[in-house]
């Protein structure tokens, strides 16, 4: 089982995504401190994979597809591609051989949102990436309740007739066409 009590050191950033210093992830989330993150949208043919998030922060919302933080190892911050590949393998058993297309950076969104079910606040500069896979990946139930595929055009409809509770960063991504 995933241990959310493990210390992880992430990058505190300013409004321009310039690193200010390192900070422990739960301190950043409890105090709403702006920090760096990333989200990877995984596509399968004409659909995107949505992950029903199992996490202490924004538990039960739908993510597109996985989200994480770039972590410090000593004084060195992971590059985006390392964080992406580690997260894809950990949460969906996806390796580079499973990819039709390697992750491509689509843009960056910044947002701040209070989790209505906890005392945590997400305040992130989130780097957005997209990649494609050959087949539906395996879900890791330590990180998600379920995985589903959704047509991107249906998801982008402003009324979200699918009835999915989307993560705040996903809503930002859709507003910016990422």
Protein backbone atom coordinates (compact mmCIF):
# COMPACT_ATOMS: atom_id res chain seq x y z
CA UNK A 1 0.00 0.00 0.00
CA UNK A 2 1.17 3.51 -0.76
CA UNK A 3 2.47 5.36 2.26
CA UNK A 4 1.46 9.00 2.08
CA UNK A 5 3.44 9.70 5.24
CA UNK A 6 6.80 9.42 3.42
CA UNK A 7 8.59 12.72 3.28
CA UNK A 8 8.87 14.16 -0.21
CA UNK A 9 10.70 17.37 -0.96
CA UNK A 10 9.26 19.43 -3.82
CA UNK A 11 10.03 22.80 -5.42
CA UNK A 12 8.46 25.96 -4.03
CA UNK A 13 8.17 28.41 -6.92
CA UNK A 14 7.12 32.00 -7.58
CA UNK A 15 4.44 33.17 -10.04
CA UNK A 16 6.96 32.82 -12.90
CA UNK A 17 7.75 29.18 -11.99
CA UNK A 18 11.19 30.17 -10.74
CA UNK A 19 12.34 27.91 -7.92
CA UNK A 20 12.55 29.72 -4.59
CA UNK A 21 13.57 26.79 -2.40
CA UNK A 22 12.73 23.21 -1.54
CA UNK A 23 9.77 22.45 0.72
CA UNK A 24 8.20 19.34 2.22
CA UNK A 25 5.08 18.44 0.18
CA UNK A 26 2.58 18.28 3.09
CA UNK A 27 3.77 21.64 4.42
CA UNK A 28 3.15 23.12 0.95
CA UNK A 29 -0.32 21.56 0.76
CA UNK A 30 -1.36 22.53 4.30
CA UNK A 31 -0.25 26.14 3.89
CA UNK A 32 -1.28 26.56 0.25
CA UNK A 33 2.27 27.44 -0.82
CA UNK A 34 2.82 27.74 -4.57
CA UNK A 35 4.83 24.77 -5.82
CA UNK A 36 5.68 22.94 -9.03
CA UNK A 37 3.78 19.88 -10.24
CA UNK A 38 2.94 18.04 -13.43
CA UNK A 39 0.03 16.23 -15.04
CA UNK A 40 0.28 13.67 -17.82
CA UNK A 41 -2.67 13.10 -20.14
CA UNK A 42 -2.49 9.59 -21.57
CA UNK A 43 -4.39 9.01 -24.81
CA UNK A 44 -5.63 5.76 -26.26
CA UNK A 45 -6.72 6.27 -29.87
CA UNK A 46 -9.30 9.12 -29.82
CA UNK A 47 -9.88 8.91 -26.06
CA UNK A 48 -8.15 10.18 -22.94
CA UNK A 49 -7.70 8.08 -19.85
CA UNK A 50 -9.20 9.47 -16.67
CA UNK A 51 -8.04 8.19 -13.31
CA UNK A 52 -10.47 8.21 -10.38
CA UNK A 53 -8.01 9.59 -7.87
CA UNK A 54 -7.25 7.82 -4.55
CA UNK A 55 -5.23 10.36 -2.58
CA UNK A 56 -5.35 12.41 0.65
CA UNK A 57 -5.72 15.59 -1.45
CA UNK A 58 -8.77 15.79 -3.73
CA UNK A 59 -9.66 12.16 -3.15
CA UNK A 60 -12.37 10.81 -5.43
CA UNK A 61 -12.04 13.37 -8.24
CA UNK A 62 -11.12 12.48 -11.82
CA UNK A 63 -7.60 13.29 -12.97
CA UNK A 64 -6.37 13.47 -16.54
CA UNK A 65 -4.54 10.94 -16.33
CA UNK A 66 -1.96 11.11 -13.56
CA UNK A 67 -0.45 13.95 -11.57
CA UNK A 68 2.68 14.16 -9.47
CA UNK A 69 5.48 16.42 -8.29
CA UNK A 70 9.06 16.67 -9.41
CA UNK A 71 11.00 15.50 -6.34
CA UNK A 72 14.33 16.49 -4.92
CA UNK A 73 17.06 13.90 -4.49
CA UNK A 74 19.43 15.76 -2.21
CA UNK A 75 19.97 19.14 -3.89
CA UNK A 76 18.91 17.97 -7.37
CA UNK A 77 15.32 18.34 -8.61
CA UNK A 78 14.04 15.62 -10.96
CA UNK A 79 13.53 16.75 -14.52
CA UNK A 80 9.96 16.48 -15.83
CA UNK A 81 10.63 13.43 -18.01
CA UNK A 82 12.08 11.41 -15.12
CA UNK A 83 9.10 12.28 -12.89
CA UNK A 84 6.68 11.44 -15.73
CA UNK A 85 8.14 8.02 -16.50
CA UNK A 86 8.41 7.03 -12.83
CA UNK A 87 4.77 8.05 -12.26
CA UNK A 88 3.46 6.28 -15.37
CA UNK A 89 5.24 3.08 -14.36
CA UNK A 90 4.20 3.31 -10.68
CA UNK A 91 0.54 4.12 -11.26
CA UNK A 92 -0.26 2.47 -14.63
CA UNK A 93 2.59 0.02 -15.32
CA UNK A 94 3.44 2.04 -18.46
CA UNK A 95 7.05 1.95 -19.68
CA UNK A 96 8.58 3.77 -22.64
CA UNK A 97 8.01 0.63 -24.75
CA UNK A 98 4.24 0.99 -24.20
CA UNK A 99 4.17 4.50 -25.63
CA UNK A 100 3.16 5.24 -29.22
CA UNK A 101 4.32 8.79 -28.71
CA UNK A 102 6.71 10.05 -26.05
CA UNK A 103 5.41 12.72 -23.63
CA UNK A 104 5.17 16.16 -25.19
CA UNK A 105 4.85 19.34 -23.14
CA UNK A 106 1.56 21.10 -23.92
CA UNK A 107 1.82 24.06 -21.57
CA UNK A 108 1.56 25.21 -17.99
CA UNK A 109 -1.41 26.13 -15.81
CA UNK A 110 -1.45 27.83 -12.45
CA UNK A 111 -4.31 27.46 -10.00
CA UNK A 112 -5.23 27.45 -6.34
CA UNK A 113 -8.00 25.28 -4.91
CA UNK A 114 -9.05 24.21 -1.42
CA UNK A 115 -9.96 20.55 -1.08
CA UNK A 116 -13.54 20.50 0.27
CA UNK A 117 -12.95 17.13 1.98
CA UNK A 118 -9.72 17.98 3.81
CA UNK A 119 -7.61 20.85 5.12
CA UNK A 120 -5.30 20.70 2.12
CA UNK A 121 -4.86 23.36 -0.54
CA UNK A 122 -3.45 22.75 -4.00
CA UNK A 123 -1.56 25.81 -5.23
CA UNK A 124 0.48 24.78 -8.21
CA UNK A 125 2.31 25.74 -11.33
CA UNK A 126 1.44 22.56 -13.17
CA UNK A 127 3.41 21.46 -16.24
CA UNK A 128 1.06 19.67 -18.66
CA UNK A 129 2.22 16.75 -20.83
CA UNK A 130 0.49 14.39 -23.22
CA UNK A 131 1.42 10.96 -24.57
CA UNK A 132 -0.25 8.04 -26.34
CA UNK A 133 -0.29 4.34 -25.49
CA UNK A 134 -0.89 1.21 -27.56
CA UNK A 135 -3.27 -0.50 -25.12
CA UNK A 136 -5.29 0.20 -22.00
CA UNK A 137 -2.83 0.12 -19.10
CA UNK A 138 -3.22 -1.70 -15.79
CA UNK A 139 -4.50 0.31 -12.88
CA UNK A 140 -2.61 0.35 -9.58
CA UNK A 141 -5.35 0.33 -6.94
CA UNK A 142 -3.02 1.98 -4.45
CA UNK A 143 -3.35 5.22 -6.44
CA UNK A 144 -6.76 5.04 -8.09
CA UNK A 145 -10.25 3.65 -7.61
CA UNK A 146 -10.71 3.09 -11.33
CA UNK A 147 -9.59 4.10 -14.80
CA UNK A 148 -11.90 5.00 -17.66
CA UNK A 149 -11.62 6.25 -21.23
CA UNK A 150 -13.50 9.32 -22.40
CA UNK A 151 -13.74 10.99 -25.77
CA UNK A 152 -11.79 14.23 -25.48
CA UNK A 153 -14.46 16.27 -27.27
CA UNK A 154 -17.16 15.08 -24.86
CA UNK A 155 -14.96 15.94 -21.90
CA UNK A 156 -14.30 19.44 -23.25
CA UNK A 157 -17.99 20.32 -23.47
CA UNK A 158 -18.50 23.13 -21.00
CA UNK A 159 -21.50 21.55 -19.29
CA UNK A 160 -19.60 18.29 -18.61
CA UNK A 161 -22.70 16.21 -19.24
CA UNK A 162 -20.67 13.17 -18.24
CA UNK A 163 -21.30 14.06 -14.60
CA UNK A 164 -17.66 13.60 -13.62
CA UNK A 165 -16.19 15.56 -10.73
CA UNK A 166 -12.99 16.78 -12.34
CA UNK A 167 -9.90 17.83 -10.41
CA UNK A 168 -9.43 21.63 -10.32
CA UNK A 169 -6.24 21.36 -12.40
CA UNK A 170 -8.12 19.37 -15.06
CA UNK A 171 -10.72 22.14 -15.30
CA UNK A 172 -7.86 24.65 -15.78
CA UNK A 173 -6.28 22.40 -18.41
CA UNK A 174 -9.53 22.17 -20.37
CA UNK A 175 -10.00 25.95 -20.23
CA UNK A 176 -6.55 26.33 -21.82
CA UNK A 177 -7.14 23.54 -24.36
CA UNK A 178 -4.39 21.35 -22.92
